[in-house]
């Protein structure tokens, strides 16, 4: 086999273009890190909720490297689904809604801006939970099998997704009120910058934790009831 190597020609790139590319790369890297962090928190909370409901799971025995592998196994199909649905909605003419759907996974922990986005995030949380449990038991996460399982458990899971959506709407209202107070403190307070930053961090982290734990409490309870229904039916 012969390899032909040529000297690349210098390309004139404007400074503004370089800055734009750098911004995109930084944004992409930050988005990946954010999604992984949210998933790790999601997995930890799911394990706790399963154990609190007398369920059994081996998620607590995973090393950090194994958790990252689990994150890749679950997040890849979920992100692909988000992209496909978002692009489809944009092509249908609903550009703002389609772009908002891109934030669906972030909305599992952080505040969404529209009710439809909150419903979408609740649906993604249910899919992620089923994918996570499937990946734990089989080592694989097939999106289509998971969607089929979600449909089979729809008697319990659909009401749970609706309940999570309403819980997110309620939390969003409360968070909006608290956000006004935090912003007022940030702009008018004479407190040191470190203290103001600490207050803002606590505000974001507290509501993200409440939203995540509330979501998983509802979904895990519904999934447990679905398993019980299946056991009684057999």
C-alpha atoms as a PDB file:
ATOM      1  CA  UNK A   1       0.000   0.000   0.000  1.00  0.00           C
ATOM      2  CA  UNK A   2       1.371   3.418  -0.979  1.00  0.00           C
ATOM      3  CA  UNK A   3       0.545   6.502   1.013  1.00  0.00           C
ATOM      4  CA  UNK A   4       0.602   9.825  -0.834  1.00  0.00           C
ATOM      5  CA  UNK A   5       1.361  12.726   1.466  1.00  0.00           C
ATOM      6  CA  UNK A   6       1.127  16.299   0.288  1.00  0.00           C
ATOM      7  CA  UNK A   7       2.040  19.496   2.067  1.00  0.00           C
ATOM      8  CA  UNK A   8      -1.183  21.280   3.077  1.00  0.00           C
ATOM      9  CA  UNK A   9      -1.514  24.768   1.675  1.00  0.00           C
ATOM     10  CA  UNK A  10      -1.776  27.595   4.179  1.00  0.00           C
ATOM     11  CA  UNK A  11      -5.337  28.792   4.636  1.00  0.00           C
ATOM     12  CA  UNK A  12      -6.087  32.370   5.483  1.00  0.00           C
ATOM     13  CA  UNK A  13      -8.483  32.292   8.429  1.00  0.00           C
ATOM     14  CA  UNK A  14      -9.843  35.494   9.791  1.00  0.00           C
ATOM     15  CA  UNK A  15      -9.364  36.082  13.518  1.00  0.00           C
ATOM     16  CA  UNK A  16     -13.128  36.361  13.946  1.00  0.00           C
ATOM     17  CA  UNK A  17     -13.609  32.922  12.382  1.00  0.00           C
ATOM     18  CA  UNK A  18     -11.046  31.379  14.715  1.00  0.00           C
ATOM     19  CA  UNK A  19     -12.825  32.909  17.704  1.00  0.00           C
ATOM     20  CA  UNK A  20     -16.181  31.558  16.480  1.00  0.00           C
ATOM     21  CA  UNK A  21     -14.792  28.049  16.029  1.00  0.00           C
ATOM     22  CA  UNK A  22     -13.213  28.202  19.484  1.00  0.00           C
ATOM     23  CA  UNK A  23     -16.502  29.302  21.022  1.00  0.00           C
ATOM     24  CA  UNK A  24     -18.328  26.407  19.349  1.00  0.00           C
ATOM     25  CA  UNK A  25     -15.706  23.921  20.566  1.00  0.00           C
ATOM     26  CA  UNK A  26     -15.874  25.292  24.109  1.00  0.00           C
ATOM     27  CA  UNK A  27     -19.694  25.187  24.039  1.00  0.00           C
ATOM     28  CA  UNK A  28     -19.667  21.603  22.724  1.00  0.00           C
ATOM     29  CA  UNK A  29     -17.171  20.475  25.366  1.00  0.00           C
ATOM     30  CA  UNK A  30     -19.160  22.201  28.119  1.00  0.00           C
ATOM     31  CA  UNK A  31     -22.397  20.593  26.870  1.00  0.00           C
ATOM     32  CA  UNK A  32     -20.853  17.113  26.907  1.00  0.00           C
ATOM     33  CA  UNK A  33     -19.468  17.616  30.413  1.00  0.00           C
ATOM     34  CA  UNK A  34     -22.834  18.986  31.585  1.00  0.00           C
ATOM     35  CA  UNK A  35     -24.751  16.010  30.176  1.00  0.00           C
ATOM     36  CA  UNK A  36     -22.339  13.534  31.752  1.00  0.00           C
ATOM     37  CA  UNK A  37     -22.574  15.311  35.117  1.00  0.00           C
ATOM     38  CA  UNK A  38     -26.385  15.325  34.961  1.00  0.00           C
ATOM     39  CA  UNK A  39     -26.427  11.636  34.057  1.00  0.00           C
ATOM     40  CA  UNK A  40     -24.083  10.692  36.910  1.00  0.00           C
ATOM     41  CA  UNK A  41     -26.328  12.593  39.328  1.00  0.00           C
ATOM     42  CA  UNK A  42     -29.364  10.932  37.715  1.00  0.00           C
ATOM     43  CA  UNK A  43     -27.826   7.477  38.158  1.00  0.00           C
ATOM     44  CA  UNK A  44     -26.906   8.150  41.781  1.00  0.00           C
ATOM     45  CA  UNK A  45     -30.393   9.425  42.608  1.00  0.00           C
ATOM     46  CA  UNK A  46     -31.986   6.489  40.763  1.00  0.00           C
ATOM     47  CA  UNK A  47     -29.926   4.043  42.813  1.00  0.00           C
ATOM     48  CA  UNK A  48     -30.962   5.726  46.060  1.00  0.00           C
ATOM     49  CA  UNK A  49     -34.644   5.759  45.126  1.00  0.00           C
ATOM     50  CA  UNK A  50     -34.578   2.102  44.053  1.00  0.00           C
ATOM     51  CA  UNK A  51     -32.989   1.138  47.366  1.00  0.00           C
ATOM     52  CA  UNK A  52     -35.475   3.265  49.329  1.00  0.00           C
ATOM     53  CA  UNK A  53     -38.342   1.383  47.655  1.00  0.00           C
ATOM     54  CA  UNK A  54     -36.778  -1.968  48.655  1.00  0.00           C
ATOM     55  CA  UNK A  55     -35.516  -2.625  45.144  1.00  0.00           C
ATOM     56  CA  UNK A  56     -32.199  -4.232  44.273  1.00  0.00           C
ATOM     57  CA  UNK A  57     -29.567  -2.654  42.054  1.00  0.00           C
ATOM     58  CA  UNK A  58     -25.842  -3.028  41.479  1.00  0.00           C
ATOM     59  CA  UNK A  59     -25.363   0.573  40.382  1.00  0.00           C
ATOM     60  CA  UNK A  60     -23.711   1.443  43.684  1.00  0.00           C
ATOM     61  CA  UNK A  61     -20.880  -1.027  43.008  1.00  0.00           C
ATOM     62  CA  UNK A  62     -19.810   0.602  39.739  1.00  0.00           C
ATOM     63  CA  UNK A  63     -16.422   2.293  39.662  1.00  0.00           C
ATOM     64  CA  UNK A  64     -16.128   5.792  38.249  1.00  0.00           C
ATOM     65  CA  UNK A  65     -14.767   4.410  34.974  1.00  0.00           C
ATOM     66  CA  UNK A  66     -17.709   2.003  34.749  1.00  0.00           C
ATOM     67  CA  UNK A  67     -20.098   4.867  35.447  1.00  0.00           C
ATOM     68  CA  UNK A  68     -18.605   6.794  32.525  1.00  0.00           C
ATOM     69  CA  UNK A  69     -19.051   3.745  30.298  1.00  0.00           C
ATOM     70  CA  UNK A  70     -22.658   3.514  31.467  1.00  0.00           C
ATOM     71  CA  UNK A  71     -23.089   7.210  30.672  1.00  0.00           C
ATOM     72  CA  UNK A  72     -21.864   6.651  27.126  1.00  0.00           C
ATOM     73  CA  UNK A  73     -24.090   3.586  26.698  1.00  0.00           C
ATOM     74  CA  UNK A  74     -27.235   5.448  27.768  1.00  0.00           C
ATOM     75  CA  UNK A  75     -26.561   8.975  26.552  1.00  0.00           C
ATOM     76  CA  UNK A  76     -25.643   8.164  22.946  1.00  0.00           C
ATOM     77  CA  UNK A  77     -29.088   6.809  21.959  1.00  0.00           C
ATOM     78  CA  UNK A  78     -30.856   9.472  24.028  1.00  0.00           C
ATOM     79  CA  UNK A  79     -28.937  12.353  22.422  1.00  0.00           C
ATOM     80  CA  UNK A  80     -29.479  10.877  18.955  1.00  0.00           C
ATOM     81  CA  UNK A  81     -33.218  10.716  19.653  1.00  0.00           C
ATOM     82  CA  UNK A  82     -33.183  14.325  20.870  1.00  0.00           C
ATOM     83  CA  UNK A  83     -31.412  15.450  17.687  1.00  0.00           C
ATOM     84  CA  UNK A  84     -33.781  13.540  15.398  1.00  0.00           C
ATOM     85  CA  UNK A  85     -36.914  14.843  17.128  1.00  0.00           C
ATOM     86  CA  UNK A  86     -35.554  18.404  17.295  1.00  0.00           C
ATOM     87  CA  UNK A  87     -34.573  18.499  13.605  1.00  0.00           C
ATOM     88  CA  UNK A  88     -37.951  17.013  12.643  1.00  0.00           C
ATOM     89  CA  UNK A  89     -39.836  19.659  14.598  1.00  0.00           C
ATOM     90  CA  UNK A  90     -37.681  22.432  13.097  1.00  0.00           C
ATOM     91  CA  UNK A  91     -38.320  21.112   9.583  1.00  0.00           C
ATOM     92  CA  UNK A  92     -42.056  21.192  10.330  1.00  0.00           C
ATOM     93  CA  UNK A  93     -41.748  24.941  10.877  1.00  0.00           C
ATOM     94  CA  UNK A  94     -41.749  25.120  14.690  1.00  0.00           C
ATOM     95  CA  UNK A  95     -38.224  26.490  14.945  1.00  0.00           C
ATOM     96  CA  UNK A  96     -38.337  27.781  18.523  1.00  0.00           C
ATOM     97  CA  UNK A  97     -39.947  24.588  19.813  1.00  0.00           C
ATOM     98  CA  UNK A  98     -37.427  22.436  17.959  1.00  0.00           C
ATOM     99  CA  UNK A  99     -34.480  24.368  19.387  1.00  0.00           C
ATOM    100  CA  UNK A 100     -35.997  24.182  22.869  1.00  0.00           C
ATOM    101  CA  UNK A 101     -36.240  20.395  22.550  1.00  0.00           C
ATOM    102  CA  UNK A 102     -32.442  20.293  22.330  1.00  0.00           C
ATOM    103  CA  UNK A 103     -32.413  21.245  26.022  1.00  0.00           C
ATOM    104  CA  UNK A 104     -34.593  18.276  26.953  1.00  0.00           C
ATOM    105  CA  UNK A 105     -31.921  16.312  28.787  1.00  0.00           C
ATOM    106  CA  UNK A 106     -30.739  19.396  30.700  1.00  0.00           C
ATOM    107  CA  UNK A 107     -34.371  19.945  31.702  1.00  0.00           C
ATOM    108  CA  UNK A 108     -34.283  16.772  33.790  1.00  0.00           C
ATOM    109  CA  UNK A 109     -32.353  18.792  36.379  1.00  0.00           C
ATOM    110  CA  UNK A 110     -32.588  22.421  35.305  1.00  0.00           C
ATOM    111  CA  UNK A 111     -35.505  24.738  34.662  1.00  0.00           C
ATOM    112  CA  UNK A 112     -37.152  24.489  31.244  1.00  0.00           C
ATOM    113  CA  UNK A 113     -38.688  27.569  29.641  1.00  0.00           C
ATOM    114  CA  UNK A 114     -41.917  26.091  28.238  1.00  0.00           C
ATOM    115  CA  UNK A 115     -44.511  23.552  29.460  1.00  0.00           C
ATOM    116  CA  UNK A 116     -43.939  21.461  26.325  1.00  0.00           C
ATOM    117  CA  UNK A 117     -40.225  21.394  27.156  1.00  0.00           C
ATOM    118  CA  UNK A 118     -41.043  20.169  30.663  1.00  0.00           C
ATOM    119  CA  UNK A 119     -43.185  17.347  29.279  1.00  0.00           C
ATOM    120  CA  UNK A 120     -40.376  16.434  26.894  1.00  0.00           C
ATOM    121  CA  UNK A 121     -37.834  16.378  29.748  1.00  0.00           C
ATOM    122  CA  UNK A 122     -40.157  14.193  31.847  1.00  0.00           C
ATOM    123  CA  UNK A 123     -40.478  11.764  28.937  1.00  0.00           C
ATOM    124  CA  UNK A 124     -36.689  11.687  28.495  1.00  0.00           C
ATOM    125  CA  UNK A 125     -36.239  11.015  32.211  1.00  0.00           C
ATOM    126  CA  UNK A 126     -38.517   7.965  31.938  1.00  0.00           C
ATOM    127  CA  UNK A 127     -36.619   6.733  28.875  1.00  0.00           C
ATOM    128  CA  UNK A 128     -33.262   7.268  30.608  1.00  0.00           C
ATOM    129  CA  UNK A 129     -34.407   5.347  33.673  1.00  0.00           C
ATOM    130  CA  UNK A 130     -35.511   2.343  31.611  1.00  0.00           C
ATOM    131  CA  UNK A 131     -32.338   2.506  29.491  1.00  0.00           C
ATOM    132  CA  UNK A 132     -30.212   2.656  32.635  1.00  0.00           C
ATOM    133  CA  UNK A 133     -31.874  -0.398  34.177  1.00  0.00           C
ATOM    134  CA  UNK A 134     -31.667  -2.288  30.888  1.00  0.00           C
ATOM    135  CA  UNK A 135     -27.982  -1.444  30.512  1.00  0.00           C
ATOM    136  CA  UNK A 136     -27.363  -2.546  34.100  1.00  0.00           C
ATOM    137  CA  UNK A 137     -28.987  -5.941  33.573  1.00  0.00           C
ATOM    138  CA  UNK A 138     -27.840  -6.724  30.011  1.00  0.00           C
ATOM    139  CA  UNK A 139     -24.918  -4.396  29.347  1.00  0.00           C
ATOM    140  CA  UNK A 140     -26.740  -2.970  26.330  1.00  0.00           C
ATOM    141  CA  UNK A 141     -29.183  -0.107  25.860  1.00  0.00           C
ATOM    142  CA  UNK A 142     -31.439  -0.450  22.837  1.00  0.00           C
ATOM    143  CA  UNK A 143     -33.597   2.630  22.379  1.00  0.00           C
ATOM    144  CA  UNK A 144     -36.356   0.920  20.379  1.00  0.00           C
ATOM    145  CA  UNK A 145     -36.680  -1.911  22.908  1.00  0.00           C
ATOM    146  CA  UNK A 146     -36.858   0.693  25.667  1.00  0.00           C
ATOM    147  CA  UNK A 147     -39.573   2.670  23.896  1.00  0.00           C
ATOM    148  CA  UNK A 148     -41.486  -0.582  23.411  1.00  0.00           C
ATOM    149  CA  UNK A 149     -41.145  -1.356  27.127  1.00  0.00           C
ATOM    150  CA  UNK A 150     -42.301   2.158  27.991  1.00  0.00           C
ATOM    151  CA  UNK A 151     -45.399   1.589  25.871  1.00  0.00           C
ATOM    152  CA  UNK A 152     -46.043  -1.761  27.574  1.00  0.00           C
ATOM    153  CA  UNK A 153     -45.799  -0.070  30.983  1.00  0.00           C
ATOM    154  CA  UNK A 154     -47.776   2.980  29.855  1.00  0.00           C
ATOM    155  CA  UNK A 155     -50.595   2.318  32.355  1.00  0.00           C
ATOM    156  CA  UNK A 156     -48.221   3.311  35.139  1.00  0.00           C
ATOM    157  CA  UNK A 157     -45.557   5.318  33.331  1.00  0.00           C
ATOM    158  CA  UNK A 158     -47.740   7.772  31.402  1.00  0.00           C
ATOM    159  CA  UNK A 159     -49.436   9.078  34.593  1.00  0.00           C
ATOM    160  CA  UNK A 160     -45.960   9.304  36.124  1.00  0.00           C
ATOM    161  CA  UNK A 161     -44.668  11.382  33.200  1.00  0.00           C
ATOM    162  CA  UNK A 162     -47.692  13.677  33.532  1.00  0.00           C
ATOM    163  CA  UNK A 163     -47.099  13.973  37.281  1.00  0.00           C
ATOM    164  CA  UNK A 164     -43.431  14.838  36.712  1.00  0.00           C
ATOM    165  CA  UNK A 165     -44.479  17.482  34.172  1.00  0.00           C
ATOM    166  CA  UNK A 166     -46.843  19.144  36.644  1.00  0.00           C
ATOM    167  CA  UNK A 167     -44.205  18.930  39.374  1.00  0.00           C
ATOM    168  CA  UNK A 168     -41.723  20.646  37.050  1.00  0.00           C
ATOM    169  CA  UNK A 169     -44.226  23.398  36.268  1.00  0.00           C
ATOM    170  CA  UNK A 170     -44.800  23.987  39.988  1.00  0.00           C
ATOM    171  CA  UNK A 171     -41.074  24.006  40.710  1.00  0.00           C
ATOM    172  CA  UNK A 172     -40.524  26.393  37.811  1.00  0.00           C
ATOM    173  CA  UNK A 173     -42.978  28.887  39.314  1.00  0.00           C
ATOM    174  CA  UNK A 174     -41.332  28.654  42.741  1.00  0.00           C
ATOM    175  CA  UNK A 175     -37.871  28.875  41.218  1.00  0.00           C
ATOM    176  CA  UNK A 176     -38.894  31.976  39.271  1.00  0.00           C
ATOM    177  CA  UNK A 177     -39.962  33.707  42.480  1.00  0.00           C
ATOM    178  CA  UNK A 178     -36.746  32.755  44.278  1.00  0.00           C
ATOM    179  CA  UNK A 179     -34.710  33.741  41.211  1.00  0.00           C
ATOM    180  CA  UNK A 180     -36.080  37.278  41.440  1.00  0.00           C
ATOM    181  CA  UNK A 181     -34.920  37.508  45.043  1.00  0.00           C
ATOM    182  CA  UNK A 182     -31.489  36.062  44.206  1.00  0.00           C
ATOM    183  CA  UNK A 183     -30.998  38.448  41.292  1.00  0.00           C
ATOM    184  CA  UNK A 184     -32.011  41.394  43.462  1.00  0.00           C
ATOM    185  CA  UNK A 185     -29.464  40.298  46.073  1.00  0.00           C
ATOM    186  CA  UNK A 186     -26.813  39.879  43.374  1.00  0.00           C
ATOM    187  CA  UNK A 187     -27.240  43.366  41.895  1.00  0.00           C
ATOM    188  CA  UNK A 188     -28.037  45.420  44.974  1.00  0.00           C
ATOM    189  CA  UNK A 189     -26.099  43.724  47.754  1.00  0.00           C
ATOM    190  CA  UNK A 190     -22.811  45.117  49.038  1.00  0.00           C
ATOM    191  CA  UNK A 191     -21.738  41.604  50.023  1.00  0.00           C
ATOM    192  CA  UNK A 192     -18.418  40.272  48.644  1.00  0.00           C
ATOM    193  CA  UNK A 193     -18.485  38.752  45.162  1.00  0.00           C
ATOM    194  CA  UNK A 194     -17.589  35.346  46.592  1.00  0.00           C
ATOM    195  CA  UNK A 195     -20.639  35.356  48.859  1.00  0.00           C
ATOM    196  CA  UNK A 196     -22.950  36.445  46.047  1.00  0.00           C
ATOM    197  CA  UNK A 197     -21.546  33.720  43.796  1.00  0.00           C
ATOM    198  CA  UNK A 198     -22.027  31.187  46.595  1.00  0.00           C
ATOM    199  CA  UNK A 199     -25.673  32.206  47.022  1.00  0.00           C
ATOM    200  CA  UNK A 200     -26.289  31.899  43.273  1.00  0.00           C
ATOM    201  CA  UNK A 201     -24.576  28.489  43.144  1.00  0.00           C
ATOM    202  CA  UNK A 202     -26.641  27.228  46.071  1.00  0.00           C
ATOM    203  CA  UNK A 203     -29.815  28.499  44.388  1.00  0.00           C
ATOM    204  CA  UNK A 204     -29.077  26.641  41.128  1.00  0.00           C
ATOM    205  CA  UNK A 205     -27.811  23.463  42.821  1.00  0.00           C
ATOM    206  CA  UNK A 206     -30.691  23.281  45.305  1.00  0.00           C
ATOM    207  CA  UNK A 207     -33.426  23.494  42.680  1.00  0.00           C
ATOM    208  CA  UNK A 208     -31.581  21.114  40.348  1.00  0.00           C
ATOM    209  CA  UNK A 209     -31.364  18.564  43.178  1.00  0.00           C
ATOM    210  CA  UNK A 210     -35.023  18.991  44.142  1.00  0.00           C
ATOM    211  CA  UNK A 211     -36.145  18.626  40.518  1.00  0.00           C
ATOM    212  CA  UNK A 212     -33.975  15.552  39.947  1.00  0.00           C
ATOM    213  CA  UNK A 213     -35.020  13.762  43.139  1.00  0.00           C
ATOM    214  CA  UNK A 214     -38.703  14.595  42.637  1.00  0.00           C
ATOM    215  CA  UNK A 215     -38.578  13.257  39.089  1.00  0.00           C
ATOM    216  CA  UNK A 216     -36.948   9.995  40.091  1.00  0.00           C
ATOM    217  CA  UNK A 217     -39.166   9.509  43.131  1.00  0.00           C
ATOM    218  CA  UNK A 218     -42.253   9.628  40.898  1.00  0.00           C
ATOM    219  CA  UNK A 219     -40.787   7.503  38.102  1.00  0.00           C
ATOM    220  CA  UNK A 220     -39.278   4.817  40.338  1.00  0.00           C
ATOM    221  CA  UNK A 221     -42.530   4.498  42.287  1.00  0.00           C
ATOM    222  CA  UNK A 222     -44.493   4.143  39.031  1.00  0.00           C
ATOM    223  CA  UNK A 223     -42.027   1.602  37.669  1.00  0.00           C
ATOM    224  CA  UNK A 224     -42.237  -0.427  40.866  1.00  0.00           C
ATOM    225  CA  UNK A 225     -46.038  -0.479  40.563  1.00  0.00           C
ATOM    226  CA  UNK A 226     -45.688  -1.576  36.947  1.00  0.00           C
ATOM    227  CA  UNK A 227     -43.478  -4.497  38.001  1.00  0.00           C
ATOM    228  CA  UNK A 228     -46.004  -5.469  40.679  1.00  0.00           C
ATOM    229  CA  UNK A 229     -48.847  -5.388  38.169  1.00  0.00           C
ATOM    230  CA  UNK A 230     -46.837  -7.633  35.875  1.00  0.00           C
ATOM    231  CA  UNK A 231     -46.091 -10.062  38.705  1.00  0.00           C
ATOM    232  CA  UNK A 232     -49.768 -10.261  39.680  1.00  0.00           C
ATOM    233  CA  UNK A 233     -50.777 -10.806  36.071  1.00  0.00           C
ATOM    234  CA  UNK A 234     -48.499 -13.823  35.814  1.00  0.00           C
END
